[in-house]
Amino acid sequence: MNEDFLYGRRLLIQELPLNYKPSDQVGISPAMELKKTMIRCTRCNYTSSISEVALPQNQYFCPKCIALGRVSTLTKFYHLPEPNQFPTVADPLTWQGTLSPLQQQCSLEVCHCLQRHFKHLLWAVTGAGKTEMLFAAISQALSRGERLAIASPRVDVCLELYPRLQLAFANIEICLLHGRQDEPYSYRQLTICTTHQLLRFYHAFDNLIVDEVDAFPYAENQQLYFATQQAIKPSGGCLFLTATPGPKLLRQVKRKEIGISYLPLRYHGHLLPEIKVKLAPTWRSQIKQKKLPRTLVQAIKIRLVQHRPFLLFVPHVADLSLFKISLSKYFPKQECVTVHAADKKRLEKVQLMRDQKILFLVTTSILERGVTFPDIDVLVLGADDNVFSSAALVQIAGRAGRSLSRPTGDVLFWLGSYSVNVRAAIKQIKFVNQKGRKLQ
């Protein structure tokens, strides 16, 4: 049996094909390391007190990464080293687009970093065209026979990236990995996956690109940071992508532990749309009474009449049904589609918006990043809720104005009162726009 499903991976016995018998080349290693009163999971690096994770007969398990299959002292990992067994492709890039001078400069820096297997941060505003700036570097790495992965914390981002990479590298087979798919794993030179899927890889990639590094659940997740390190070969490189870097990354840049490239302008050369604030101090009590702020109703009416697509964000899942009922009072014939993280039809609903079969989506912060809809406006009800971090609000605002046909979409926030998160988001957008004006 071909064992390429083990190349650069560590799998439990239940993750292997039925009736599979490991060859002599397969490495078998313990899944847990016991140290006196503590025990460490070798998959996610989580350390537990043995009294907290005990099983019968002096056995122990890891509670942290159990969603990927239970790791315990009763299990072992099966592994084969990454051999880079890929056909040589001289020029795998089939994308025919062009980059702006600023994009081209960042692209050259990324090429240099991947070639030298450096650790590097690409800090580019939302809508700067980060994906296109990666194409040349990915193409060169593939031509060198390297194995690469692009990982993101969000399934939606992976689903957005996959068709774009397929078009850009039409002759390269790409593996897509996330927790909701039915297709089996395939050994490929280029992999697109969620960051949780990195927990199954071990010294697999010559270069790893991690998109949206500030996003939940990757941000401040020590297990996913460990997975990132484990997935890269000891001599491999890592490129981090974000529009809103957190303090940890910025400290690494300041200490010169990683390099940085910065792009404060979008691909079409326009600035980020700035946030416009509408005060609605009683919106929470209004929505419970099946009412909406008058200015919000007006804003929705304008977009329905002009057939202008938009996303409308609310703080909590419970707000979705309340908003839907309230909206029906004002627009009884208008279909209202809502979506949230646990929605079983989430992917289908997002695709309806992509296909322009619905005019708007009402959503939680699950669509704050990684999804692109052309020509949309962004409305946020309850932007001052503490569920929205300042970084999330910047990302939400960044959904607007991404299209060359309409680079100046509206961003409207309704809030009970000015809060720290809203003020910080407004300040950050003004900051990057100030830098962007100097380059226009």
Protein backbone atom coordinates (compact mmCIF):
# COMPACT_ATOMS: atom_id res chain seq x y z
CA MET A 1 0.00 0.00 0.00
CA ASN A 2 1.22 3.50 -0.88
CA GLU A 3 2.12 5.25 2.38
CA ASP A 4 2.22 8.85 1.12
CA PHE A 5 -0.65 9.75 3.48
CA LEU A 6 1.97 9.56 6.27
CA TYR A 7 4.59 11.79 4.64
CA GLY A 8 5.26 14.67 7.00
CA ARG A 9 2.36 13.69 9.26
CA ARG A 10 1.81 12.04 12.64
CA LEU A 11 -1.42 10.04 12.79
CA LEU A 12 -3.18 7.88 15.33
CA ILE A 13 -4.08 4.29 14.45
CA GLN A 14 -7.75 5.23 14.01
CA GLU A 15 -6.74 7.83 11.40
CA LEU A 16 -4.99 5.23 9.22
CA PRO A 17 -6.72 3.27 6.42
CA LEU A 18 -8.50 0.08 7.37
CA ASN A 19 -6.33 -3.07 7.23
CA TYR A 20 -3.20 -0.91 6.91
CA LYS A 21 0.01 -2.55 8.13
CA PRO A 22 2.92 -0.14 8.66
CA SER A 23 6.11 -0.86 6.76
CA ASP A 24 9.50 -1.03 8.47
CA GLN A 25 10.16 2.59 7.46
CA VAL A 26 7.28 3.97 9.52
CA GLY A 27 8.30 5.63 12.77
CA ILE A 28 6.13 4.90 15.80
CA SER A 29 6.29 7.28 18.75
CA PRO A 30 4.42 7.74 22.05
CA ALA A 31 1.52 10.18 22.04
CA MET A 32 2.07 11.31 25.64
CA GLU A 33 5.14 12.04 27.76
CA LEU A 34 4.83 11.37 31.49
CA LYS A 35 6.90 13.51 33.85
CA LYS A 36 6.31 12.76 37.55
CA THR A 37 3.02 14.56 38.33
CA MET A 38 2.54 16.09 34.86
CA ILE A 39 1.89 14.68 31.42
CA ARG A 40 2.49 16.34 28.03
CA CYS A 41 0.66 15.73 24.75
CA THR A 42 3.19 15.41 21.92
CA ARG A 43 0.60 16.51 19.36
CA CYS A 44 -0.43 19.87 20.86
CA ASN A 45 2.16 20.32 23.65
CA TYR A 46 -0.55 20.79 26.31
CA THR A 47 0.69 19.84 29.77
CA SER A 48 -1.79 18.55 32.35
CA SER A 49 -1.67 17.40 35.93
CA ILE A 50 -2.06 13.61 35.88
CA SER A 51 -4.79 13.86 38.49
CA GLU A 52 -6.93 15.90 36.06
CA VAL A 53 -6.63 13.62 33.00
CA ALA A 54 -6.61 10.13 34.50
CA LEU A 55 -8.15 7.11 32.81
CA PRO A 56 -8.61 3.66 34.38
CA GLN A 57 -5.51 1.50 35.04
CA ASN A 58 -3.01 4.39 35.26
CA GLN A 59 -3.64 5.68 31.75
CA TYR A 60 -4.00 9.36 30.76
CA PHE A 61 -5.40 11.47 27.91
CA CYS A 62 -5.09 15.00 26.49
CA PRO A 63 -8.27 17.09 26.87
CA LYS A 64 -7.03 20.00 24.74
CA CYS A 65 -6.93 18.51 21.22
CA ILE A 66 -9.57 15.81 21.71
CA ALA A 67 -11.67 17.16 18.81
CA LEU A 68 -9.05 15.73 16.42
CA GLY A 69 -9.21 12.28 18.01
CA ARG A 70 -8.28 11.34 21.55
CA VAL A 71 -4.57 11.26 22.32
CA SER A 72 -3.70 9.10 25.33
CA THR A 73 -1.03 6.86 26.80
CA LEU A 74 -2.88 4.00 25.07
CA THR A 75 -2.19 5.46 21.63
CA LYS A 76 0.88 6.04 19.46
CA PHE A 77 1.72 8.20 16.47
CA TYR A 78 2.70 6.82 13.05
CA HIS A 79 5.01 8.95 10.93
CA LEU A 80 7.09 8.99 7.74
CA PRO A 81 9.58 11.80 6.98
CA GLU A 82 8.64 14.24 4.21
CA PRO A 83 10.44 13.12 0.98
CA ASN A 84 9.23 15.94 -1.33
CA GLN A 85 8.23 13.46 -4.03
CA PHE A 86 6.76 15.88 -6.54
CA PRO A 87 7.13 16.25 -10.32
CA THR A 88 9.26 19.18 -11.43
CA VAL A 89 7.26 22.09 -12.83
CA ALA A 90 9.39 24.88 -14.28
CA ASP A 91 6.78 27.64 -14.22
CA PRO A 92 3.67 26.59 -12.27
CA LEU A 93 2.06 30.07 -12.10
CA THR A 94 -0.76 30.42 -14.63
CA TRP A 95 -2.12 33.70 -13.21
CA GLN A 96 -1.94 36.49 -15.81
CA GLY A 97 -2.67 39.46 -13.55
CA THR A 98 -0.38 42.34 -12.68
CA LEU A 99 0.69 43.92 -9.40
CA SER A 100 0.91 47.59 -8.49
CA PRO A 101 4.43 48.93 -7.81
CA LEU A 102 3.81 48.74 -4.05
CA GLN A 103 2.49 45.19 -4.33
CA GLN A 104 5.44 44.24 -6.50
CA GLN A 105 7.88 45.50 -3.87
CA CYS A 106 6.20 43.40 -1.17
CA SER A 107 6.10 40.42 -3.54
CA LEU A 108 9.88 40.63 -4.09
CA GLU A 109 10.45 40.77 -0.33
CA VAL A 110 8.23 37.71 0.18
CA CYS A 111 10.09 35.83 -2.59
CA HIS A 112 13.37 36.57 -0.84
CA CYS A 113 12.02 35.39 2.53
CA LEU A 114 10.64 32.10 1.21
CA GLN A 115 13.81 31.43 -0.74
CA ARG A 116 15.93 31.93 2.40
CA HIS A 117 13.35 30.21 4.65
CA PHE A 118 13.10 33.25 6.90
CA LYS A 119 10.41 34.09 9.43
CA HIS A 120 8.63 37.22 8.17
CA LEU A 121 5.51 39.33 8.70
CA LEU A 122 3.55 40.85 5.84
CA TRP A 123 1.43 43.62 7.39
CA ALA A 124 -0.99 44.78 4.72
CA VAL A 125 -4.32 46.54 5.12
CA THR A 126 -7.50 44.62 4.35
CA GLY A 127 -8.02 44.53 0.60
CA ALA A 128 -4.34 45.16 -0.19
CA GLY A 129 -4.20 42.02 -2.35
CA LYS A 130 -2.10 39.86 -0.03
CA THR A 131 -2.99 36.65 -1.87
CA GLU A 132 -1.79 37.96 -5.24
CA MET A 133 1.42 39.19 -3.63
CA LEU A 134 2.17 35.58 -2.63
CA PHE A 135 1.86 34.09 -6.11
CA ALA A 136 5.43 34.69 -7.32
CA ALA A 137 6.97 33.37 -4.10
CA ILE A 138 4.75 30.26 -4.13
CA SER A 139 5.59 29.66 -7.80
CA GLN A 140 9.32 29.86 -7.16
CA ALA A 141 9.08 27.56 -4.13
CA LEU A 142 7.11 24.98 -6.12
CA SER A 143 9.70 25.15 -8.90
CA ARG A 144 12.39 24.43 -6.30
CA GLY A 145 10.49 21.25 -5.39
CA GLU A 146 9.48 22.53 -1.96
CA ARG A 147 6.33 21.55 -0.12
CA LEU A 148 4.16 24.48 1.03
CA ALA A 149 1.03 25.11 3.04
CA ILE A 150 -1.22 28.11 3.52
CA ALA A 151 -3.07 27.91 6.84
CA SER A 152 -5.84 30.10 8.22
CA PRO A 153 -7.83 29.98 11.47
CA ARG A 154 -11.12 30.24 9.56
CA VAL A 155 -12.79 27.67 7.29
CA ASP A 156 -14.32 30.54 5.29
CA VAL A 157 -10.87 31.90 4.47
CA CYS A 158 -9.69 28.48 3.27
CA LEU A 159 -12.75 28.15 1.05
CA GLU A 160 -12.08 31.61 -0.36
CA LEU A 161 -8.39 30.86 -1.02
CA TYR A 162 -8.80 27.42 -2.59
CA PRO A 163 -10.48 28.39 -5.90
CA ARG A 164 -8.21 31.43 -6.25
CA LEU A 165 -5.09 29.27 -5.85
CA GLN A 166 -6.51 26.65 -8.21
CA LEU A 167 -6.91 29.31 -10.90
CA ALA A 168 -3.48 30.78 -10.23
CA PHE A 169 -1.77 27.38 -10.32
CA ALA A 170 -3.98 25.48 -12.76
CA ASN A 171 -1.48 22.63 -13.29
CA ILE A 172 -0.77 22.01 -9.61
CA GLU A 173 -2.97 19.70 -7.53
CA ILE A 174 -3.90 21.36 -4.24
CA CYS A 175 -5.07 19.67 -1.03
CA LEU A 176 -7.83 21.42 0.92
CA LEU A 177 -8.17 20.43 4.59
CA HIS A 178 -10.73 21.53 7.14
CA GLY A 179 -12.96 19.88 9.73
CA ARG A 180 -16.17 20.06 7.71
CA GLN A 181 -15.13 18.33 4.52
CA ASP A 182 -15.96 14.85 3.29
CA GLU A 183 -13.11 14.46 0.79
CA PRO A 184 -10.22 12.26 1.94
CA TYR A 185 -6.72 13.62 2.53
CA SER A 186 -4.36 13.64 -0.47
CA TYR A 187 -0.58 14.09 -0.47
CA ARG A 188 0.05 17.29 -2.41
CA GLN A 189 2.88 19.78 -2.88
CA LEU A 190 0.57 22.67 -1.96
CA THR A 191 -1.91 22.43 0.92
CA ILE A 192 -4.57 24.90 2.07
CA CYS A 193 -5.84 24.13 5.57
CA THR A 194 -7.20 25.48 8.81
CA THR A 195 -4.60 26.03 11.52
CA HIS A 196 -6.12 23.19 13.57
CA GLN A 197 -5.19 20.78 10.76
CA LEU A 198 -1.52 21.67 11.32
CA LEU A 199 -1.69 19.56 14.49
CA ARG A 200 -1.55 16.47 12.24
CA PHE A 201 1.63 17.56 10.41
CA TYR A 202 5.21 17.07 11.57
CA HIS A 203 8.23 18.59 9.79
CA ALA A 204 6.24 18.56 6.55
CA PHE A 205 6.66 22.00 4.98
CA ASP A 206 9.66 23.86 3.63
CA ASN A 207 7.61 27.04 3.91
CA LEU A 208 4.38 27.69 5.79
CA ILE A 209 2.19 30.76 5.24
CA VAL A 210 -0.18 31.58 8.11
CA ASP A 211 -2.96 33.96 7.11
CA GLU A 212 -5.01 36.09 9.54
CA VAL A 213 -2.67 35.36 12.46
CA ASP A 214 -4.57 37.75 14.72
CA ALA A 215 -7.87 35.90 14.26
CA PHE A 216 -9.66 33.58 16.68
CA PRO A 217 -8.90 30.77 17.39
CA TYR A 218 -5.23 31.17 16.37
CA ALA A 219 -4.48 34.38 18.26
CA GLU A 220 -2.91 33.68 21.66
CA ASN A 221 -3.50 29.92 21.24
CA GLN A 222 -0.34 28.20 22.48
CA GLN A 223 -1.34 24.83 21.02
CA LEU A 224 -1.76 26.27 17.53
CA TYR A 225 1.54 28.17 17.83
CA PHE A 226 3.17 24.84 18.69
CA ALA A 227 1.42 23.15 15.75
CA THR A 228 2.84 25.83 13.44
CA GLN A 229 6.38 25.19 14.66
CA GLN A 230 5.97 21.41 14.42
CA ALA A 231 4.55 21.52 10.90
CA ILE A 232 7.59 23.33 9.51
CA LYS A 233 10.83 21.47 8.80
CA PRO A 234 13.71 22.43 11.12
CA SER A 235 15.23 24.39 8.23
CA GLY A 236 11.87 25.75 7.03
CA GLY A 237 10.48 29.26 6.87
CA CYS A 238 7.23 30.88 7.99
CA LEU A 239 5.39 33.90 6.61
CA PHE A 240 2.72 35.55 8.76
CA LEU A 241 -0.04 37.60 7.10
CA THR A 242 -2.34 40.09 8.81
CA ALA A 243 -3.93 43.51 8.58
CA THR A 244 -4.01 43.90 12.37
CA PRO A 245 -0.90 42.40 14.01
CA GLY A 246 -1.06 41.72 17.73
CA PRO A 247 1.46 42.84 20.34
CA LYS A 248 3.33 39.49 20.31
CA LEU A 249 4.20 39.75 16.62
CA LEU A 250 5.10 43.41 16.89
CA ARG A 251 7.44 42.61 19.79
CA GLN A 252 9.13 39.96 17.64
CA VAL A 253 9.56 42.52 14.87
CA LYS A 254 10.98 45.06 17.32
CA ARG A 255 13.47 42.47 18.63
CA LYS A 256 14.33 41.64 14.99
CA GLU A 257 13.35 38.01 15.49
CA ILE A 258 11.25 38.25 12.32
CA GLY A 259 11.35 40.62 9.34
CA ILE A 260 8.48 42.83 8.19
CA SER A 261 6.97 44.16 4.98
CA TYR A 262 4.28 46.83 5.19
CA LEU A 263 1.61 47.91 2.71
CA PRO A 264 -0.87 50.59 3.86
CA LEU A 265 -2.76 50.91 0.54
CA ARG A 266 -5.28 48.60 -1.07
CA TYR A 267 -4.54 46.96 -4.41
CA HIS A 268 -6.63 49.55 -6.29
CA GLY A 269 -4.71 52.41 -4.63
CA HIS A 270 -7.62 53.71 -2.55
CA LEU A 271 -7.64 54.24 1.20
CA LEU A 272 -9.72 52.22 3.65
CA PRO A 273 -13.30 53.44 4.05
CA GLU A 274 -13.49 55.26 7.37
CA ILE A 275 -16.05 54.43 10.04
CA LYS A 276 -19.14 56.61 10.41
CA VAL A 277 -20.80 56.40 13.82
CA LYS A 278 -24.53 56.56 14.60
CA LEU A 279 -25.57 56.75 18.25
CA ALA A 280 -28.43 54.45 19.22
CA PRO A 281 -28.39 54.26 23.04
CA THR A 282 -31.63 52.24 23.27
CA TRP A 283 -31.07 49.79 20.41
CA ARG A 284 -30.91 46.78 22.74
CA SER A 285 -34.30 47.51 24.34
CA GLN A 286 -35.73 48.42 20.92
CA ILE A 287 -34.81 45.10 19.33
CA LYS A 288 -36.46 43.24 22.21
CA GLN A 289 -39.64 45.18 21.40
CA LYS A 290 -39.32 44.18 17.72
CA LYS A 291 -38.13 47.64 16.75
CA LEU A 292 -34.95 49.03 15.16
CA PRO A 293 -33.23 52.43 15.35
CA ARG A 294 -34.82 54.80 12.85
CA THR A 295 -31.48 55.64 11.20
CA LEU A 296 -30.73 51.94 10.72
CA VAL A 297 -34.10 51.35 9.05
CA GLN A 298 -33.39 54.27 6.72
CA ALA A 299 -29.93 52.92 5.87
CA ILE A 300 -31.36 49.49 5.05
CA LYS A 301 -34.19 50.98 2.99
CA ILE A 302 -31.75 52.99 0.86
CA ARG A 303 -29.73 49.87 0.07
CA LEU A 304 -32.78 47.75 -0.71
CA VAL A 305 -34.19 50.39 -3.06
CA GLN A 306 -30.83 50.92 -4.80
CA HIS A 307 -30.12 47.18 -4.76
CA ARG A 308 -26.78 47.73 -3.01
CA PRO A 309 -25.45 44.58 -1.30
CA PHE A 310 -24.40 44.78 2.33
CA LEU A 311 -23.35 42.80 5.38
CA LEU A 312 -25.02 43.61 8.70
CA PHE A 313 -23.19 42.48 11.84
CA VAL A 314 -24.72 41.94 15.28
CA PRO A 315 -22.85 41.06 18.49
CA HIS A 316 -24.42 37.73 19.49
CA VAL A 317 -26.13 34.72 17.94
CA ALA A 318 -29.26 35.48 19.99
CA ASP A 319 -29.46 38.89 18.30
CA LEU A 320 -29.90 37.30 14.86
CA SER A 321 -33.45 36.04 15.42
CA LEU A 322 -34.43 39.24 17.22
CA PHE A 323 -33.15 41.31 14.33
CA LYS A 324 -34.89 39.12 11.76
CA ILE A 325 -38.24 39.50 13.52
CA SER A 326 -37.74 43.25 13.91
CA LEU A 327 -36.77 43.70 10.26
CA SER A 328 -39.90 41.89 9.10
CA LYS A 329 -42.00 44.61 10.78
CA TYR A 330 -40.50 47.23 8.48
CA PHE A 331 -39.95 45.11 5.35
CA PRO A 332 -42.47 42.24 5.51
CA LYS A 333 -41.74 40.99 1.98
CA GLN A 334 -37.96 41.09 2.33
CA GLU A 335 -36.08 37.82 2.81
CA CYS A 336 -33.59 38.01 5.68
CA VAL A 337 -30.82 35.39 5.76
CA THR A 338 -28.83 35.06 8.99
CA VAL A 339 -25.60 33.12 9.59
CA HIS A 340 -23.33 32.28 12.51
CA ALA A 341 -20.44 29.93 13.33
CA ALA A 342 -22.54 26.93 14.37
CA ASP A 343 -25.00 27.31 11.48
CA LYS A 344 -25.07 23.99 9.59
CA LYS A 345 -25.89 25.85 6.37
CA ARG A 346 -23.24 28.50 6.94
CA LEU A 347 -21.13 27.67 3.88
CA GLU A 348 -24.18 27.49 1.61
CA LYS A 349 -25.47 30.85 2.83
CA VAL A 350 -22.11 32.54 2.28
CA GLN A 351 -22.05 31.07 -1.22
CA LEU A 352 -25.51 32.53 -1.91
CA MET A 353 -24.05 35.95 -1.09
CA ARG A 354 -21.02 35.30 -3.27
CA ASP A 355 -23.28 34.26 -6.14
CA GLN A 356 -25.36 37.44 -5.62
CA LYS A 357 -28.51 35.40 -5.07
CA ILE A 358 -29.26 37.36 -1.91
CA LEU A 359 -28.72 41.08 -1.37
CA PHE A 360 -27.48 40.95 2.21
CA LEU A 361 -26.47 38.71 5.09
CA VAL A 362 -27.04 39.35 8.78
CA THR A 363 -24.14 37.78 10.66
CA THR A 364 -22.06 37.59 13.79
CA SER A 365 -18.32 38.29 13.71
CA ILE A 366 -17.76 34.97 11.92
CA LEU A 367 -17.59 36.92 8.63
CA GLU A 368 -15.29 39.61 9.97
CA ARG A 369 -12.43 38.52 7.72
CA GLY A 370 -11.31 36.34 4.84
CA VAL A 371 -14.45 36.68 2.74
CA THR A 372 -14.75 39.03 -0.20
CA PHE A 373 -18.03 40.22 -1.66
CA PRO A 374 -17.85 42.86 -4.41
CA ASP A 375 -19.34 46.34 -4.02
CA ILE A 376 -20.75 45.86 -0.52
CA ASP A 377 -21.44 48.22 2.36
CA VAL A 378 -20.94 47.22 5.99
CA LEU A 379 -23.41 47.95 8.81
CA VAL A 380 -22.73 47.04 12.44
CA LEU A 381 -25.41 47.15 15.12
CA GLY A 382 -23.98 47.28 18.65
CA ALA A 383 -20.39 47.91 17.58
CA ASP A 384 -19.53 48.96 21.15
CA ASP A 385 -20.28 45.47 22.50
CA ASN A 386 -17.16 43.96 24.03
CA VAL A 387 -17.51 40.88 21.81
CA PHE A 388 -16.00 43.04 19.06
CA SER A 389 -12.30 43.72 19.62
CA SER A 390 -10.79 46.74 17.91
CA ALA A 391 -8.98 44.39 15.50
CA ALA A 392 -12.29 42.68 14.68
CA LEU A 393 -13.94 46.04 13.98
CA VAL A 394 -11.08 47.01 11.65
CA GLN A 395 -11.48 43.70 9.82
CA ILE A 396 -15.25 44.14 9.62
CA ALA A 397 -14.82 47.64 8.20
CA GLY A 398 -12.36 46.17 5.73
CA ARG A 399 -15.08 44.10 4.04
CA ALA A 400 -16.22 47.33 2.32
CA GLY A 401 -14.53 49.08 -0.57
CA ARG A 402 -12.58 46.05 -1.78
CA SER A 403 -13.78 46.24 -5.37
CA LEU A 404 -12.19 48.39 -8.07
CA SER A 405 -15.69 49.14 -9.38
CA ARG A 406 -16.65 50.60 -5.98
CA PRO A 407 -13.59 51.22 -3.80
CA THR A 408 -15.35 53.58 -1.39
CA GLY A 409 -18.08 51.49 0.25
CA ASP A 410 -19.87 52.76 3.35
CA VAL A 411 -19.02 51.58 6.88
CA LEU A 412 -21.71 52.50 9.42
CA PHE A 413 -21.57 51.64 13.13
CA TRP A 414 -24.59 51.92 15.48
CA LEU A 415 -23.59 52.00 19.14
CA GLY A 416 -25.01 52.73 22.55
CA SER A 417 -21.99 54.84 23.49
CA TYR A 418 -18.44 55.47 22.38
CA SER A 419 -16.26 52.65 23.71
CA VAL A 420 -12.55 51.85 23.76
CA ASN A 421 -12.84 49.26 20.99
CA VAL A 422 -14.67 51.61 18.61
CA ARG A 423 -12.29 54.50 19.31
CA ALA A 424 -9.27 52.23 18.74
CA ALA A 425 -10.68 50.91 15.44
CA ILE A 426 -11.35 54.43 14.18
CA LYS A 427 -7.84 55.47 15.24
CA GLN A 428 -6.15 52.53 13.49
CA ILE A 429 -7.95 53.10 10.20
CA LYS A 430 -7.07 56.79 10.30
CA PHE A 431 -3.44 55.84 11.07
CA VAL A 432 -3.01 53.49 8.09
CA ASN A 433 -4.85 55.95 5.82
CA GLN A 434 -2.43 58.66 6.90
CA LYS A 435 0.46 56.42 5.87
CA GLY A 436 -1.37 55.49 2.67
CA ARG A 437 -1.86 59.11 1.59
CA LYS A 438 1.91 59.56 1.53
CA LEU A 439 2.16 56.78 -1.05
CA GLN A 440 -0.74 57.82 -3.29
